[in-house]
PDB file of N, CA and C in Angstrom:
ATOM      1  N   MET A   1     114.270  65.655 112.203  1.00  0.00           N
ATOM      2  CA  MET A   1     113.723  66.540 111.202  1.00  0.00           C
ATOM      3  C   MET A   1     114.578  66.390 109.939  1.00  0.00           C
ATOM      4  N   PRO A   2     113.950  66.175 108.788  1.00  0.00           N
ATOM      5  CA  PRO A   2     114.725  66.041 107.545  1.00  0.00           C
ATOM      6  C   PRO A   2     115.612  67.254 107.310  1.00  0.00           C
ATOM      7  N   GLY A   3     116.810  67.001 106.809  1.00  0.00           N
ATOM      8  CA  GLY A   3     117.746  68.080 106.531  1.00  0.00           C
ATOM      9  C   GLY A   3     118.665  68.415 107.679  1.00  0.00           C
ATOM     10  N   THR A   4     118.465  67.742 108.814  1.00  0.00           N
ATOM     11  CA  THR A   4     119.281  68.087 109.980  1.00  0.00           C
ATOM     12  C   THR A   4     120.040  66.901 110.567  1.00  0.00           C
ATOM     13  N   THR A   5     120.013  65.768 109.899  1.00  0.00           N
ATOM     14  CA  THR A   5     120.783  64.649 110.432  1.00  0.00           C
ATOM     15  C   THR A   5     122.271  64.940 110.244  1.00  0.00           C
ATOM     16  N   LYS A   6     123.094  64.282 111.012  1.00  0.00           N
ATOM     17  CA  LYS A   6     124.538  64.518 110.923  1.00  0.00           C
ATOM     18  C   LYS A   6     125.070  64.244 109.518  1.00  0.00           C
ATOM     19  N   ILE A   7     124.608  63.154 108.895  1.00  0.00           N
ATOM     20  CA  ILE A   7     125.100  62.809 107.553  1.00  0.00           C
ATOM     21  C   ILE A   7     124.635  63.838 106.525  1.00  0.00           C
ATOM     22  N   GLU A   8     123.408  64.334 106.639  1.00  0.00           N
ATOM     23  CA  GLU A   8     122.915  65.352 105.701  1.00  0.00           C
ATOM     24  C   GLU A   8     123.698  66.648 105.841  1.00  0.00           C
ATOM     25  N   ARG A   9     123.933  67.057 107.064  1.00  0.00           N
ATOM     26  CA  ARG A   9     124.672  68.299 107.294  1.00  0.00           C
ATOM     27  C   ARG A   9     126.118  68.160 106.809  1.00  0.00           C
ATOM     28  N   SER A  10     126.719  67.008 107.035  1.00  0.00           N
ATOM     29  CA  SER A  10     128.082  66.760 106.590  1.00  0.00           C
ATOM     30  C   SER A  10     128.174  66.804 105.065  1.00  0.00           C
ATOM     31  N   ARG A  11     127.249  66.157 104.394  1.00  0.00           N
ATOM     32  CA  ARG A  11     127.256  66.151 102.924  1.00  0.00           C
ATOM     33  C   ARG A  11     127.008  67.548 102.356  1.00  0.00           C
ATOM     34  N   PHE A  12     126.131  68.300 102.994  1.00  0.00           N
ATOM     35  CA  PHE A  12     125.851  69.673 102.567  1.00  0.00           C
ATOM     36  C   PHE A  12     127.121  70.519 102.665  1.00  0.00           C
ATOM     37  N   LYS A  13     127.817  70.431 103.794  1.00  0.00           N
ATOM     38  CA  LYS A  13     129.062  71.186 103.976  1.00  0.00           C
ATOM     39  C   LYS A  13     130.123  70.761 102.966  1.00  0.00           C
ATOM     40  N   THR A  14     130.222  69.471 102.713  1.00  0.00           N
ATOM     41  CA  THR A  14     131.206  68.963 101.751  1.00  0.00           C
ATOM     42  C   THR A  14     130.906  69.484 100.353  1.00  0.00           C
ATOM     43  N   MET A  15     129.638  69.474  99.962  1.00  0.00           N
ATOM     44  CA  MET A  15     129.242  69.959  98.642  1.00  0.00           C
ATOM     45  C   MET A  15     129.619  71.430  98.469  1.00  0.00           C
ATOM     46  N   ILE A  16     129.341  72.239  99.484  1.00  0.00           N
ATOM     47  CA  ILE A  16     129.653  73.666  99.423  1.00  0.00           C
ATOM     48  C   ILE A  16     131.171  73.877  99.333  1.00  0.00           C
ATOM     49  N   HIS A  17     131.898  73.157 100.152  1.00  0.00           N
ATOM     50  CA  HIS A  17     133.362  73.260 100.158  1.00  0.00           C
ATOM     51  C   HIS A  17     133.944  72.832  98.815  1.00  0.00           C
ATOM     52  N   ASP A  18     133.533  71.681  98.304  1.00  0.00           N
ATOM     53  CA  ASP A  18     134.084  71.148  97.058  1.00  0.00           C
ATOM     54  C   ASP A  18     133.786  72.039  95.857  1.00  0.00           C
ATOM     55  N   ALA A  19     132.670  72.760  95.897  1.00  0.00           N
ATOM     56  CA  ALA A  19     132.308  73.663  94.797  1.00  0.00           C
ATOM     57  C   ALA A  19     132.901  75.060  94.987  1.00  0.00           C
ATOM     58  N   ASN A  20     133.647  75.262  96.078  1.00  0.00           N
ATOM     59  CA  ASN A  20     134.274  76.551  96.401  1.00  0.00           C
ATOM     60  C   ASN A  20     133.226  77.666  96.504  1.00  0.00           C
ATOM     61  N   LEU A  21     132.157  77.380  97.244  1.00  0.00           N
ATOM     62  CA  LEU A  21     131.071  78.332  97.452  1.00  0.00           C
ATOM     63  C   LEU A  21     131.080  78.840  98.882  1.00  0.00           C
ATOM     64  N   PHE A  22     130.357  79.928  99.110  1.00  0.00           N
ATOM     65  CA  PHE A  22     130.143  80.401 100.471  1.00  0.00           C
ATOM     66  C   PHE A  22     128.691  80.817 100.619  1.00  0.00           C
ATOM     67  N   ASP A  23     128.215  80.797 101.838  1.00  0.00           N
ATOM     68  CA  ASP A  23     126.844  81.158 102.182  1.00  0.00           C
ATOM     69  C   ASP A  23     126.774  82.679 102.310  1.00  0.00           C
ATOM     70  N   CYS A  24     125.999  83.310 101.435  1.00  0.00           N
ATOM     71  CA  CYS A  24     125.931  84.782 101.399  1.00  0.00           C
ATOM     72  C   CYS A  24     125.428  85.363 102.715  1.00  0.00           C
ATOM     73  N   TRP A  25     124.416  84.762 103.316  1.00  0.00           N
ATOM     74  CA  TRP A  25     123.859  85.311 104.551  1.00  0.00           C
ATOM     75  C   TRP A  25     124.848  85.169 105.706  1.00  0.00           C
ATOM     76  N   LYS A  26     125.489  84.009 105.807  1.00  0.00           N
ATOM     77  CA  LYS A  26     126.455  83.809 106.895  1.00  0.00           C
ATOM     78  C   LYS A  26     127.691  84.686 106.739  1.00  0.00           C
ATOM     79  N   HIS A  27     127.949  85.159 105.530  1.00  0.00           N
ATOM     80  CA  HIS A  27     129.067  86.074 105.291  1.00  0.00           C
ATOM     81  C   HIS A  27     128.933  87.308 106.186  1.00  0.00           C
ATOM     82  N   PHE A  28     127.706  87.792 106.363  1.00  0.00           N
ATOM     83  CA  PHE A  28     127.447  88.971 107.193  1.00  0.00           C
ATOM     84  C   PHE A  28     126.929  88.618 108.586  1.00  0.00           C
ATOM     85  N   ASN A  29     126.621  87.345 108.802  1.00  0.00           N
ATOM     86  CA  ASN A  29     126.044  86.898 110.070  1.00  0.00           C
ATOM     87  C   ASN A  29     126.743  85.637 110.545  1.00  0.00           C
ATOM     88  N   PRO A  30     127.981  85.758 111.011  1.00  0.00           N
ATOM     89  CA  PRO A  30     128.700  84.564 111.465  1.00  0.00           C
ATOM     90  C   PRO A  30     127.976  83.885 112.628  1.00  0.00           C
ATOM     91  N   VAL A  31     128.229  82.623 112.787  1.00  0.00           N
ATOM     92  CA  VAL A  31     127.592  81.860 113.865  1.00  0.00           C
ATOM     93  C   VAL A  31     127.971  82.486 115.207  1.00  0.00           C
ATOM     94  N   PRO A  32     126.968  82.796 116.037  1.00  0.00           N
ATOM     95  CA  PRO A  32     127.264  83.385 117.355  1.00  0.00           C
ATOM     96  C   PRO A  32     128.035  82.415 118.246  1.00  0.00           C
ATOM     97  N   GLU A  33     128.656  82.940 119.284  1.00  0.00           N
ATOM     98  CA  GLU A  33     129.408  82.090 120.215  1.00  0.00           C
ATOM     99  C   GLU A  33     128.547  80.986 120.800  1.00  0.00           C
ATOM    100  N   SER A  34     127.241  81.265 120.965  1.00  0.00           N
ATOM    101  CA  SER A  34     126.328  80.252 121.516  1.00  0.00           C
ATOM    102  C   SER A  34     126.137  79.084 120.555  1.00  0.00           C
ATOM    103  N   GLY A  35     126.474  79.308 119.270  1.00  0.00           N
ATOM    104  CA  GLY A  35     126.281  78.267 118.268  1.00  0.00           C
ATOM    105  C   GLY A  35     124.887  78.271 117.673  1.00  0.00           C
ATOM    106  N   HIS A  36     124.020  79.186 118.148  1.00  0.00           N
ATOM    107  CA  HIS A  36     122.632  79.222 117.682  1.00  0.00           C
ATOM    108  C   HIS A  36     122.218  80.652 117.366  1.00  0.00           C
ATOM    109  N   TYR A  37     121.544  80.819 116.245  1.00  0.00           N
ATOM    110  CA  TYR A  37     121.019  82.125 115.865  1.00  0.00           C
ATOM    111  C   TYR A  37     119.685  82.384 116.544  1.00  0.00           C
ATOM    112  N   ASP A  38     119.346  83.646 116.720  1.00  0.00           N
ATOM    113  CA  ASP A  38     118.019  84.043 117.185  1.00  0.00           C
ATOM    114  C   ASP A  38     117.095  83.916 115.982  1.00  0.00           C
ATOM    115  N   VAL A  39     116.232  82.889 115.975  1.00  0.00           N
ATOM    116  CA  VAL A  39     115.445  82.566 114.790  1.00  0.00           C
ATOM    117  C   VAL A  39     114.428  83.644 114.439  1.00  0.00           C
ATOM    118  N   GLU A  40     113.851  84.308 115.410  1.00  0.00           N
ATOM    119  CA  GLU A  40     112.883  85.358 115.113  1.00  0.00           C
ATOM    120  C   GLU A  40     113.588  86.611 114.587  1.00  0.00           C
ATOM    121  N   LYS A  41     114.681  86.980 115.218  1.00  0.00           N
ATOM    122  CA  LYS A  41     115.423  88.172 114.799  1.00  0.00           C
ATOM    123  C   LYS A  41     115.934  88.025 113.369  1.00  0.00           C
ATOM    124  N   ASN A  42     116.269  86.823 112.961  1.00  0.00           N
ATOM    125  CA  ASN A  42     116.877  86.595 111.661  1.00  0.00           C
ATOM    126  C   ASN A  42     115.904  86.117 110.588  1.00  0.00           C
ATOM    127  N   ASN A  43     114.609  86.168 110.859  1.00  0.00           N
ATOM    128  CA  ASN A  43     113.586  85.801 109.881  1.00  0.00           C
ATOM    129  C   ASN A  43     113.685  84.360 109.390  1.00  0.00           C
ATOM    130  N   PHE A  44     114.205  83.471 110.221  1.00  0.00           N
ATOM    131  CA  PHE A  44     114.182  82.068 109.857  1.00  0.00           C
ATOM    132  C   PHE A  44     112.733  81.616 109.805  1.00  0.00           C
ATOM    133  N   THR A  45     112.484  80.525 109.117  1.00  0.00           N
ATOM    134  CA  THR A  45     111.119  80.043 108.995  1.00  0.00           C
ATOM    135  C   THR A  45     110.854  78.910 109.975  1.00  0.00           C
ATOM    136  N   TRP A  46     109.618  78.772 110.349  1.00  0.00           N
ATOM    137  CA  TRP A  46     109.206  77.620 111.136  1.00  0.00           C
ATOM    138  C   TRP A  46     109.026  76.470 110.184  1.00  0.00           C
ATOM    139  N   ARG A  47     109.336  75.297 110.592  1.00  0.00           N
ATOM    140  CA  ARG A  47     109.383  74.121 109.731  1.00  0.00           C
ATOM    141  C   ARG A  47     107.986  73.652 109.323  1.00  0.00           C
ATOM    142  N   GLY A  48     107.190  74.504 108.707  1.00  0.00           N
ATOM    143  CA  GLY A  48     105.971  74.102 108.041  1.00  0.00           C
ATOM    144  C   GLY A  48     104.841  73.577 108.901  1.00  0.00           C
ATOM    145  N   SER A  49     104.946  73.611 110.210  1.00  0.00           N
ATOM    146  CA  SER A  49     103.858  73.106 111.038  1.00  0.00           C
ATOM    147  C   SER A  49     103.832  73.863 112.360  1.00  0.00           C
ATOM    148  N   ASP A  50     102.709  73.801 113.028  1.00  0.00           N
ATOM    149  CA  ASP A  50     102.574  74.476 114.313  1.00  0.00           C
ATOM    150  C   ASP A  50     103.562  73.946 115.341  1.00  0.00           C
ATOM    151  N   SER A  51     103.918  72.670 115.248  1.00  0.00           N
ATOM    152  CA  SER A  51     104.808  72.101 116.263  1.00  0.00           C
ATOM    153  C   SER A  51     106.159  72.801 116.273  1.00  0.00           C
ATOM    154  N   GLY A  52     106.640  73.261 115.116  1.00  0.00           N
ATOM    155  CA  GLY A  52     107.908  73.982 115.065  1.00  0.00           C
ATOM    156  C   GLY A  52     107.868  75.244 115.890  1.00  0.00           C
ATOM    157  N   LYS A  53     106.757  75.954 115.843  1.00  0.00           N
ATOM    158  CA  LYS A  53     106.621  77.191 116.598  1.00  0.00           C
ATOM    159  C   LYS A  53     106.757  76.916 118.092  1.00  0.00           C
ATOM    160  N   PHE A  54     106.093  75.896 118.569  1.00  0.00           N
ATOM    161  CA  PHE A  54     106.068  75.639 120.003  1.00  0.00           C
ATOM    162  C   PHE A  54     107.353  74.987 120.505  1.00  0.00           C
ATOM    163  N   LYS A  55     108.057  74.293 119.626  1.00  0.00           N
ATOM    164  CA  LYS A  55     109.327  73.672 120.012  1.00  0.00           C
ATOM    165  C   LYS A  55     110.521  74.571 119.699  1.00  0.00           C
ATOM    166  N   ASN A  56     110.242  75.726 119.062  1.00  0.00           N
ATOM    167  CA  ASN A  56     111.291  76.659 118.658  1.00  0.00           C
ATOM    168  C   ASN A  56     112.336  75.966 117.777  1.00  0.00           C
ATOM    169  N   THR A  57     111.859  75.232 116.772  1.00  0.00           N
ATOM    170  CA  THR A  57     112.745  74.495 115.884  1.00  0.00           C
ATOM    171  C   THR A  57     112.750  75.090 114.485  1.00  0.00           C
ATOM    172  N   ALA A  58     113.035  76.359 114.399  1.00  0.00           N
ATOM    173  CA  ALA A  58     113.130  77.004 113.093  1.00  0.00           C
ATOM    174  C   ALA A  58     114.424  76.575 112.420  1.00  0.00           C
ATOM    175  N   MET A  59     114.423  76.635 111.094  1.00  0.00           N
ATOM    176  CA  MET A  59     115.636  76.322 110.360  1.00  0.00           C
ATOM    177  C   MET A  59     115.658  77.117 109.063  1.00  0.00           C
ATOM    178  N   ARG A  60     116.824  77.296 108.522  1.00  0.00           N
ATOM    179  CA  ARG A  60     116.945  77.959 107.226  1.00  0.00           C
ATOM    180  C   ARG A  60     116.675  76.934 106.145  1.00  0.00           C
ATOM    181  N   LEU A  61     115.595  77.124 105.423  1.00  0.00           N
ATOM    182  CA  LEU A  61     115.265  76.229 104.322  1.00  0.00           C
ATOM    183  C   LEU A  61     115.853  76.734 103.008  1.00  0.00           C
ATOM    184  N   ASP A  62     116.065  78.030 102.925  1.00  0.00           N
ATOM    185  CA  ASP A  62     116.491  78.649 101.678  1.00  0.00           C
ATOM    186  C   ASP A  62     117.870  79.267 101.862  1.00  0.00           C
ATOM    187  N   HIS A  63     118.702  79.095 100.861  1.00  0.00           N
ATOM    188  CA  HIS A  63     120.075  79.576 100.914  1.00  0.00           C
ATOM    189  C   HIS A  63     120.440  80.247  99.606  1.00  0.00           C
ATOM    190  N   ALA A  64     121.401  81.147  99.666  1.00  0.00           N
ATOM    191  CA  ALA A  64     122.015  81.726  98.473  1.00  0.00           C
ATOM    192  C   ALA A  64     123.518  81.517  98.625  1.00  0.00           C
ATOM    193  N   PHE A  65     124.096  80.803  97.670  1.00  0.00           N
ATOM    194  CA  PHE A  65     125.528  80.544  97.670  1.00  0.00           C
ATOM    195  C   PHE A  65     126.160  81.229  96.464  1.00  0.00           C
ATOM    196  N   MET A  66     127.389  81.646  96.653  1.00  0.00           N
ATOM    197  CA  MET A  66     128.154  82.267  95.562  1.00  0.00           C
ATOM    198  C   MET A  66     129.548  81.668  95.517  1.00  0.00           C
ATOM    199  N   SER A  67     130.151  81.783  94.357  1.00  0.00           N
ATOM    200  CA  SER A  67     131.532  81.377  94.196  1.00  0.00           C
ATOM    201  C   SER A  67     132.427  82.279  95.034  1.00  0.00           C
ATOM    202  N   ARG A  68     133.433  81.714  95.647  1.00  0.00           N
ATOM    203  CA  ARG A  68     134.397  82.500  96.429  1.00  0.00           C
ATOM    204  C   ARG A  68     135.039  83.595  95.573  1.00  0.00           C
ATOM    205  N   SER A  69     135.126  83.372  94.278  1.00  0.00           N
ATOM    206  CA  SER A  69     135.745  84.374  93.402  1.00  0.00           C
ATOM    207  C   SER A  69     134.915  85.660  93.316  1.00  0.00           C
ATOM    208  N   LEU A  70     133.645  85.609  93.710  1.00  0.00           N
ATOM    209  CA  LEU A  70     132.778  86.792  93.683  1.00  0.00           C
ATOM    210  C   LEU A  70     132.564  87.404  95.066  1.00  0.00           C
ATOM    211  N   GLU A  71     133.201  86.857  96.068  1.00  0.00           N
ATOM    212  CA  GLU A  71     132.967  87.281  97.450  1.00  0.00           C
ATOM    213  C   GLU A  71     133.145  88.780  97.654  1.00  0.00           C
ATOM    214  N   SER A  72     134.114  89.377  97.023  1.00  0.00           N
ATOM    215  CA  SER A  72     134.369  90.807  97.209  1.00  0.00           C
ATOM    216  C   SER A  72     133.265  91.678  96.606  1.00  0.00           C
ATOM    217  N   LYS A  73     132.431  91.129  95.766  1.00  0.00           N
ATOM    218  CA  LYS A  73     131.343  91.891  95.135  1.00  0.00           C
ATOM    219  C   LYS A  73     130.067  91.892  95.972  1.00  0.00           C
ATOM    220  N   LEU A  74     129.966  91.029  96.962  1.00  0.00           N
ATOM    221  CA  LEU A  74     128.757  90.933  97.783  1.00  0.00           C
ATOM    222  C   LEU A  74     128.726  92.083  98.781  1.00  0.00           C
ATOM    223  N   ILE A  75     127.639  92.883  98.756  1.00  0.00           N
ATOM    224  CA  ILE A  75     127.536  94.001  99.693  1.00  0.00           C
ATOM    225  C   ILE A  75     126.333  93.871 100.633  1.00  0.00           C
ATOM    226  N   GLU A  76     125.414  92.953 100.350  1.00  0.00           N
ATOM    227  CA  GLU A  76     124.268  92.746 101.249  1.00  0.00           C
ATOM    228  C   GLU A  76     123.674  91.369 101.019  1.00  0.00           C
ATOM    229  N   SER A  77     123.225  90.759 102.093  1.00  0.00           N
ATOM    230  CA  SER A  77     122.472  89.516 102.021  1.00  0.00           C
ATOM    231  C   SER A  77     121.476  89.514 103.174  1.00  0.00           C
ATOM    232  N   THR A  78     120.213  89.397 102.840  1.00  0.00           N
ATOM    233  CA  THR A  78     119.146  89.521 103.820  1.00  0.00           C
ATOM    234  C   THR A  78     118.117  88.420 103.629  1.00  0.00           C
ATOM    235  N   ILE A  79     117.611  87.893 104.733  1.00  0.00           N
ATOM    236  CA  ILE A  79     116.481  86.976 104.686  1.00  0.00           C
ATOM    237  C   ILE A  79     115.231  87.834 104.815  1.00  0.00           C
ATOM    238  N   LEU A  80     114.367  87.803 103.819  1.00  0.00           N
ATOM    239  CA  LEU A  80     113.151  88.603 103.816  1.00  0.00           C
ATOM    240  C   LEU A  80     111.982  87.771 104.320  1.00  0.00           C
ATOM    241  N   GLY A  81     110.853  88.412 104.519  1.00  0.00           N
ATOM    242  CA  GLY A  81     109.672  87.683 104.942  1.00  0.00           C
ATOM    243  C   GLY A  81     109.607  87.545 106.442  1.00  0.00           C
ATOM    244  N   THR A  82     108.690  86.709 106.882  1.00  0.00           N
ATOM    245  CA  THR A  82     108.459  86.556 108.312  1.00  0.00           C
ATOM    246  C   THR A  82     108.215  85.102 108.660  1.00  0.00           C
ATOM    247  N   GLY A  83     108.545  84.751 109.874  1.00  0.00           N
ATOM    248  CA  GLY A  83     108.299  83.411 110.372  1.00  0.00           C
ATOM    249  C   GLY A  83     106.859  83.227 110.816  1.00  0.00           C
ATOM    250  N   TYR A  84     106.537  82.055 111.257  1.00  0.00           N
ATOM    251  CA  TYR A  84     105.177  81.652 111.591  1.00  0.00           C
ATOM    252  C   TYR A  84     104.494  82.571 112.590  1.00  0.00           C
ATOM    253  N   SER A  85     105.219  83.015 113.592  1.00  0.00           N
ATOM    254  CA  SER A  85     104.614  83.795 114.663  1.00  0.00           C
ATOM    255  C   SER A  85     104.557  85.289 114.355  1.00  0.00           C
ATOM    256  N   ARG A  86     104.931  85.704 113.168  1.00  0.00           N
ATOM    257  CA  ARG A  86     105.026  87.126 112.860  1.00  0.00           C
ATOM    258  C   ARG A  86     103.835  87.637 112.072  1.00  0.00           C
ATOM    259  N   ILE A  87     103.610  88.922 112.183  1.00  0.00           N
ATOM    260  CA  ILE A  87     102.556  89.581 111.423  1.00  0.00           C
ATOM    261  C   ILE A  87     102.852  89.425 109.938  1.00  0.00           C
ATOM    262  N   GLY A  88     101.829  89.089 109.171  1.00  0.00           N
ATOM    263  CA  GLY A  88     101.995  88.972 107.733  1.00  0.00           C
ATOM    264  C   GLY A  88     102.371  87.591 107.254  1.00  0.00           C
ATOM    265  N   PHE A  89     102.449  86.615 108.159  1.00  0.00           N
ATOM    266  CA  PHE A  89     102.776  85.253 107.753  1.00  0.00           C
ATOM    267  C   PHE A  89     101.709  84.745 106.797  1.00  0.00           C
ATOM    268  N   LEU A  90     102.122  84.246 105.636  1.00  0.00           N
ATOM    269  CA  LEU A  90     101.161  83.822 104.620  1.00  0.00           C
ATOM    270  C   LEU A  90     101.103  82.311 104.446  1.00  0.00           C
ATOM    271  N   GLY A  91     101.714  81.562 105.311  1.00  0.00           N
ATOM    272  CA  GLY A  91     101.571  80.118 105.268  1.00  0.00           C
ATOM    273  C   GLY A  91     102.717  79.342 104.660  1.00  0.00           C
ATOM    274  N   SER A  92     103.670  79.993 104.027  1.00  0.00           N
ATOM    275  CA  SER A  92     104.780  79.267 103.438  1.00  0.00           C
ATOM    276  C   SER A  92     105.841  78.991 104.490  1.00  0.00           C
ATOM    277  N   ASP A  93     106.572  77.896 104.305  1.00  0.00           N
ATOM    278  CA  ASP A  93     107.687  77.631 105.208  1.00  0.00           C
ATOM    279  C   ASP A  93     109.008  78.046 104.568  1.00  0.00           C
ATOM    280  N   HIS A  94     108.939  78.889 103.544  1.00  0.00           N
ATOM    281  CA  HIS A  94     110.131  79.418 102.886  1.00  0.00           C
ATOM    282  C   HIS A  94     110.199  80.926 103.063  1.00  0.00           C
ATOM    283  N   ALA A  95     111.401  81.463 102.998  1.00  0.00           N
ATOM    284  CA  ALA A  95     111.609  82.902 103.105  1.00  0.00           C
ATOM    285  C   ALA A  95     112.447  83.355 101.913  1.00  0.00           C
ATOM    286  N   PRO A  96     112.008  84.392 101.208  1.00  0.00           N
ATOM    287  CA  PRO A  96     112.810  84.886 100.089  1.00  0.00           C
ATOM    288  C   PRO A  96     114.115  85.493 100.590  1.00  0.00           C
ATOM    289  N   LEU A  97     115.115  85.455  99.731  1.00  0.00           N
ATOM    290  CA  LEU A  97     116.429  85.997 100.047  1.00  0.00           C
ATOM    291  C   LEU A  97     116.747  87.154  99.130  1.00  0.00           C
ATOM    292  N   LYS A  98     117.471  88.112  99.646  1.00  0.00           N
ATOM    293  CA  LYS A  98     117.916  89.255  98.855  1.00  0.00           C
ATOM    294  C   LYS A  98     119.429  89.317  98.939  1.00  0.00           C
ATOM    295  N   ILE A  99     120.078  89.345  97.785  1.00  0.00           N
ATOM    296  CA  ILE A  99     121.519  89.569  97.764  1.00  0.00           C
ATOM    297  C   ILE A  99     121.790  90.752  96.837  1.00  0.00           C
ATOM    298  N   VAL A 100     122.733  91.577  97.225  1.00  0.00           N
ATOM    299  CA  VAL A 100     123.102  92.759  96.453  1.00  0.00           C
ATOM    300  C   VAL A 100     124.596  92.676  96.157  1.00  0.00           C
ATOM    301  N   LEU A 101     124.924  92.874  94.892  1.00  0.00           N
ATOM    302  CA  LEU A 101     126.314  92.841  94.453  1.00  0.00           C
ATOM    303  C   LEU A 101     126.721  94.206  93.934  1.00  0.00           C
ATOM    304  N   THR A 102     127.969  94.539  94.078  1.00  0.00           N
ATOM    305  CA  THR A 102     128.496  95.769  93.512  1.00  0.00           C
ATOM    306  C   THR A 102     128.821  95.534  92.039  1.00  0.00           C
ATOM    307  N   LYS A 103     128.728  96.579  91.243  1.00  0.00           N
ATOM    308  CA  LYS A 103     129.058  96.480  89.819  1.00  0.00           C
ATOM    309  C   LYS A 103     130.564  96.420  89.604  1.00  0.00           C
ATOM    310  N   ASN A 104     131.321  96.994  90.522  1.00  0.00           N
ATOM    311  CA  ASN A 104     132.776  97.084  90.360  1.00  0.00           C
ATOM    312  C   ASN A 104     133.450  95.771  90.586  1.00  0.00           C
TER     313      ASN A 104
END
Protein backbone atom coordinates (compact mmCIF):
# COMPACT_ATOMS: atom_id res chain seq x y z
CA MET A 1 0.00 0.00 0.00
CA PRO A 2 1.50 3.39 -0.93
CA GLY A 3 2.77 5.33 2.05
CA THR A 4 3.60 2.26 4.08
CA THR A 5 6.81 0.91 2.61
CA LYS A 6 9.81 0.82 4.93
CA ILE A 7 11.65 3.51 2.94
CA GLU A 8 8.60 5.82 2.90
CA ARG A 9 8.04 5.46 6.62
CA SER A 10 11.74 6.01 7.32
CA ARG A 11 11.86 9.17 5.20
CA PHE A 12 8.67 10.48 6.82
CA LYS A 13 10.15 9.99 10.31
CA THR A 14 13.43 11.61 9.26
CA MET A 15 11.62 14.64 7.82
CA ILE A 16 9.63 15.13 11.03
CA HIS A 17 12.73 14.72 13.20
CA ASP A 18 14.91 17.05 11.09
CA ALA A 19 12.24 19.78 11.14
CA ASN A 20 11.88 19.41 14.95
CA LEU A 21 8.16 18.63 14.67
CA PHE A 22 5.85 16.35 16.59
CA ASP A 23 2.59 14.62 15.71
CA CYS A 24 -0.22 16.41 17.57
CA TRP A 25 -2.53 13.38 17.72
CA LYS A 26 0.17 10.98 18.93
CA HIS A 27 1.06 13.51 21.64
CA PHE A 28 -2.18 12.46 23.40
CA ASN A 29 -2.36 8.94 21.96
CA PRO A 30 0.99 7.17 22.29
CA VAL A 31 1.47 3.93 20.41
CA PRO A 32 -0.09 1.09 22.44
CA GLU A 33 2.07 -1.77 23.70
CA SER A 34 0.59 -3.93 20.92
CA GLY A 35 2.11 -1.51 18.40
CA HIS A 36 -1.29 -1.06 16.72
CA TYR A 37 -4.11 1.40 17.29
CA ASP A 38 -7.78 0.44 17.32
CA VAL A 39 -8.67 1.93 13.92
CA GLU A 40 -12.41 2.24 14.53
CA LYS A 41 -12.05 3.71 18.02
CA ASN A 42 -9.61 6.32 16.73
CA ASN A 43 -11.54 7.38 13.61
CA PHE A 44 -8.82 6.28 11.22
CA THR A 45 -9.93 6.10 7.62
CA TRP A 46 -10.23 3.10 5.38
CA ARG A 47 -7.83 3.32 2.48
CA GLY A 48 -10.33 4.53 -0.13
CA SER A 49 -11.74 1.15 -1.17
CA ASP A 50 -13.94 -1.63 0.11
CA SER A 51 -10.96 -3.98 0.33
CA GLY A 52 -9.50 -1.91 3.19
CA LYS A 53 -12.62 -2.47 5.26
CA PHE A 54 -12.50 -6.23 4.88
CA LYS A 55 -8.74 -6.50 5.40
CA ASN A 56 -8.83 -4.06 8.33
CA THR A 57 -6.07 -1.97 6.74
CA ALA A 58 -6.97 1.50 7.91
CA MET A 59 -4.27 4.13 8.05
CA ARG A 60 -3.87 7.75 9.03
CA LEU A 61 -3.84 9.74 5.83
CA ASP A 62 -4.04 13.14 7.49
CA HIS A 63 -1.67 14.55 10.08
CA ALA A 64 -1.16 17.75 12.04
CA PHE A 65 2.42 18.52 13.03
CA MET A 66 3.70 21.34 15.20
CA SER A 67 7.06 22.72 16.14
CA ARG A 68 8.40 21.30 19.40
CA SER A 69 8.68 24.89 20.61
CA LEU A 70 4.84 25.07 20.69
CA GLU A 71 4.28 21.70 22.36
CA SER A 72 3.30 23.21 25.71
CA LYS A 73 0.48 25.18 24.03
CA LEU A 74 -1.28 22.09 22.62
CA ILE A 75 -4.30 21.14 24.74
CA GLU A 76 -6.31 18.91 22.35
CA SER A 77 -5.87 16.95 19.16
CA THR A 78 -8.71 14.89 17.73
CA ILE A 79 -9.38 12.97 14.55
CA LEU A 80 -12.90 13.93 13.46
CA GLY A 81 -15.22 12.19 11.05
CA THR A 82 -15.88 8.53 10.58
CA GLY A 83 -14.34 5.57 8.83
CA TYR A 84 -15.89 3.51 6.06
CA SER A 85 -17.96 1.24 8.27
CA ARG A 86 -19.44 4.05 10.38
CA ILE A 87 -22.71 5.91 10.24
CA GLY A 88 -22.38 9.12 8.28
CA PHE A 89 -19.53 8.00 6.03
CA LEU A 90 -19.60 10.32 3.01
CA GLY A 91 -17.12 8.57 0.75
CA SER A 92 -13.87 10.38 1.47
CA ASP A 93 -10.78 8.51 2.58
CA HIS A 94 -9.67 11.54 4.62
CA ALA A 95 -10.61 12.61 8.13
CA PRO A 96 -10.52 16.21 9.34
CA LEU A 97 -8.32 17.01 12.31
CA LYS A 98 -8.97 19.34 15.22
CA ILE A 99 -6.19 20.87 17.26
CA VAL A 100 -6.71 23.30 20.13
CA LEU A 101 -3.99 25.56 21.48
CA THR A 102 -3.92 27.62 24.64
CA LYS A 103 -3.50 31.39 24.32
CA ASN A 104 -0.98 31.49 27.17
